[in-house]
C-alpha atoms as a PDB file:
ATOM      1  CA  MET A   1      -0.005  -0.003   0.019  1.00  0.00           C
ATOM      2  CA  LEU A   2       2.693   2.642   0.900  1.00  0.00           C
ATOM      3  CA  ARG A   3       4.376   1.977  -2.525  1.00  0.00           C
ATOM      4  CA  LEU A   4       1.338   3.661  -4.021  1.00  0.00           C
ATOM      5  CA  THR A   5       1.703   6.808  -1.973  1.00  0.00           C
ATOM      6  CA  GLU A   6       3.750   9.831  -2.697  1.00  0.00           C
ATOM      7  CA  ASN A   7       5.007  10.588   0.794  1.00  0.00           C
ATOM      8  CA  GLY A   8       4.833   7.261   2.386  1.00  0.00           C
ATOM      9  CA  ILE A   9       3.364   6.957   6.002  1.00  0.00           C
ATOM     10  CA  ASP A  10       2.636  10.707   6.073  1.00  0.00           C
ATOM     11  CA  ASP A  11      -0.028  10.223   3.330  1.00  0.00           C
ATOM     12  CA  ILE A  12      -2.074   7.704   5.282  1.00  0.00           C
ATOM     13  CA  VAL A  13      -1.847   9.317   8.881  1.00  0.00           C
ATOM     14  CA  LYS A  14      -4.350  11.897  10.012  1.00  0.00           C
ATOM     15  CA  SER A  15      -3.499  15.529   9.936  1.00  0.00           C
ATOM     16  CA  THR A  16      -2.296  17.032  13.317  1.00  0.00           C
ATOM     17  CA  LYS A  17      -4.455  20.079  12.643  1.00  0.00           C
ATOM     18  CA  ARG A  18      -7.903  18.515  13.607  1.00  0.00           C
ATOM     19  CA  CYS A  19      -7.160  15.846  16.266  1.00  0.00           C
ATOM     20  CA  THR A  20      -7.028  15.343  19.979  1.00  0.00           C
ATOM     21  CA  GLU A  21      -3.993  16.297  21.946  1.00  0.00           C
ATOM     22  CA  ASP A  22      -3.286  12.637  22.588  1.00  0.00           C
ATOM     23  CA  LEU A  23      -3.479  11.701  19.033  1.00  0.00           C
ATOM     24  CA  HIS A  24      -1.371  14.830  18.045  1.00  0.00           C
ATOM     25  CA  TRP A  25       1.216  13.573  20.558  1.00  0.00           C
ATOM     26  CA  LYS A  26       1.196  10.102  18.950  1.00  0.00           C
ATOM     27  CA  ILE A  27       1.625  11.466  15.430  1.00  0.00           C
ATOM     28  CA  LEU A  28       4.580  13.501  16.420  1.00  0.00           C
ATOM     29  CA  GLN A  29       6.118  10.425  18.071  1.00  0.00           C
ATOM     30  CA  LEU A  30       5.505   8.527  14.799  1.00  0.00           C
ATOM     31  CA  GLN A  31       7.356  11.123  12.859  1.00  0.00           C
ATOM     32  CA  GLN A  32      10.556  10.582  14.796  1.00  0.00           C
ATOM     33  CA  MET A  33      10.518   6.844  14.267  1.00  0.00           C
ATOM     34  CA  HIS A  34      12.398   4.695  11.565  1.00  0.00           C
ATOM     35  CA  PHE A  35      10.193   3.055   9.072  1.00  0.00           C
ATOM     36  CA  ASN A  36       9.846  -0.373  10.593  1.00  0.00           C
ATOM     37  CA  GLU A  37       9.413   0.976  13.983  1.00  0.00           C
ATOM     38  CA  ALA A  38       6.680   3.323  12.595  1.00  0.00           C
ATOM     39  CA  ILE A  39       4.826   0.303  11.037  1.00  0.00           C
ATOM     40  CA  VAL A  40       4.716  -1.562  14.188  1.00  0.00           C
ATOM     41  CA  TYR A  41       3.477   1.528  16.200  1.00  0.00           C
ATOM     42  CA  LEU A  42       0.802   2.208  13.545  1.00  0.00           C
ATOM     43  CA  SER A  43      -0.510  -1.439  13.769  1.00  0.00           C
ATOM     44  CA  LYS A  44      -0.928  -0.858  17.466  1.00  0.00           C
ATOM     45  CA  ASN A  45      -2.478   2.649  17.150  1.00  0.00           C
ATOM     46  CA  VAL A  46      -4.782   2.287  14.141  1.00  0.00           C
ATOM     47  CA  GLU A  47      -6.785   5.359  15.226  1.00  0.00           C
ATOM     48  CA  MET A  48      -3.971   7.362  13.767  1.00  0.00           C
ATOM     49  CA  LEU A  49      -4.880   6.319  10.135  1.00  0.00           C
ATOM     50  CA  GLN A  50      -7.077   8.396   7.881  1.00  0.00           C
ATOM     51  CA  THR A  51     -10.296   6.626   6.864  1.00  0.00           C
ATOM     52  CA  PRO A  52     -11.196   5.107   4.522  1.00  0.00           C
ATOM     53  CA  LEU A  53      -8.050   3.595   3.094  1.00  0.00           C
ATOM     54  CA  ILE A  54      -8.991   2.051  -0.207  1.00  0.00           C
ATOM     55  CA  VAL A  55      -6.491   0.067  -2.135  1.00  0.00           C
ATOM     56  CA  ASP A  56      -6.732  -1.790  -5.451  1.00  0.00           C
ATOM     57  CA  HIS A  57      -3.958  -3.334  -7.505  1.00  0.00           C
ATOM     58  CA  ASN A  58      -2.521  -0.039  -8.725  1.00  0.00           C
ATOM     59  CA  LYS A  59      -4.945   2.599  -7.114  1.00  0.00           C
ATOM     60  CA  PHE A  60      -4.890   4.061  -3.695  1.00  0.00           C
ATOM     61  CA  LEU A  61      -7.377   6.474  -2.062  1.00  0.00           C
ATOM     62  CA  VAL A  62      -7.020   7.966   1.453  1.00  0.00           C
ATOM     63  CA  GLY A  63      -9.991   9.727   3.079  1.00  0.00           C
ATOM     64  CA  TYR A  64     -13.323  10.233   1.486  1.00  0.00           C
ATOM     65  CA  HIS A  65     -13.368  11.991  -1.915  1.00  0.00           C
ATOM     66  CA  SER A  66     -16.871  11.496  -3.547  1.00  0.00           C
ATOM     67  CA  GLU A  67     -15.398  12.138  -7.107  1.00  0.00           C
ATOM     68  CA  ASN A  68     -12.347   9.876  -6.646  1.00  0.00           C
ATOM     69  CA  ILE A  69     -13.984   6.908  -4.835  1.00  0.00           C
ATOM     70  CA  ARG A  70     -15.947   6.045  -7.992  1.00  0.00           C
ATOM     71  CA  GLN A  71     -12.819   4.817  -9.626  1.00  0.00           C
ATOM     72  CA  PHE A  72     -12.933   1.615  -7.274  1.00  0.00           C
ATOM     73  CA  ALA A  73     -16.478   0.717  -8.491  1.00  0.00           C
ATOM     74  CA  PRO A  74     -16.630  -1.710 -11.293  1.00  0.00           C
ATOM     75  CA  ARG A  75     -17.082  -0.193 -14.679  1.00  0.00           C
ATOM     76  CA  TYR A  76     -20.571  -1.638 -15.229  1.00  0.00           C
ATOM     77  CA  TYR A  77     -21.614   0.003 -11.881  1.00  0.00           C
ATOM     78  CA  ARG A  78     -20.230   3.420 -13.032  1.00  0.00           C
ATOM     79  CA  MET A  79     -21.985   3.324 -16.458  1.00  0.00           C
ATOM     80  CA  SER A  80     -25.308   2.198 -14.862  1.00  0.00           C
ATOM     81  CA  SER A  81     -24.974   5.052 -12.296  1.00  0.00           C
ATOM     82  CA  ILE A  82     -24.205   7.700 -15.012  1.00  0.00           C
ATOM     83  CA  PHE A  83     -27.174   6.320 -17.047  1.00  0.00           C
ATOM     84  CA  LEU A  84     -29.548   6.433 -14.032  1.00  0.00           C
ATOM     85  CA  HIS A  85     -28.340  10.057 -13.129  1.00  0.00           C
ATOM     86  CA  GLN A  86     -28.965  11.151 -16.692  1.00  0.00           C
ATOM     87  CA  TYR A  87     -32.439   9.473 -16.821  1.00  0.00           C
ATOM     88  CA  LYS A  88     -33.498  11.233 -13.708  1.00  0.00           C
ATOM     89  CA  ARG A  89     -32.448  14.551 -15.059  1.00  0.00           C
ATOM     90  CA  GLN A  90     -34.460  14.141 -18.125  1.00  0.00           C
ATOM     91  CA  GLY A  91     -37.616  12.956 -16.576  1.00  0.00           C
END
């Protein structure tokens, strides 16, 4: 999963701007750790991760982005959804 990110662990961890003091402290601790140490720490403190984390073979989405999340739906679903939306607008 991390190989699909641009900034590694920083891309999957919650922002320190909008979190509790305890979570803020944990994130600061995480930023000081070596990679393997950070992975173990994250596995024990999953509340630090942004949600949802959606991973496909070559696609990765962190957080909820209504426009981008559609790429993970099967093509037939996306096409039927587009058709249904257009049908409702016309009628």
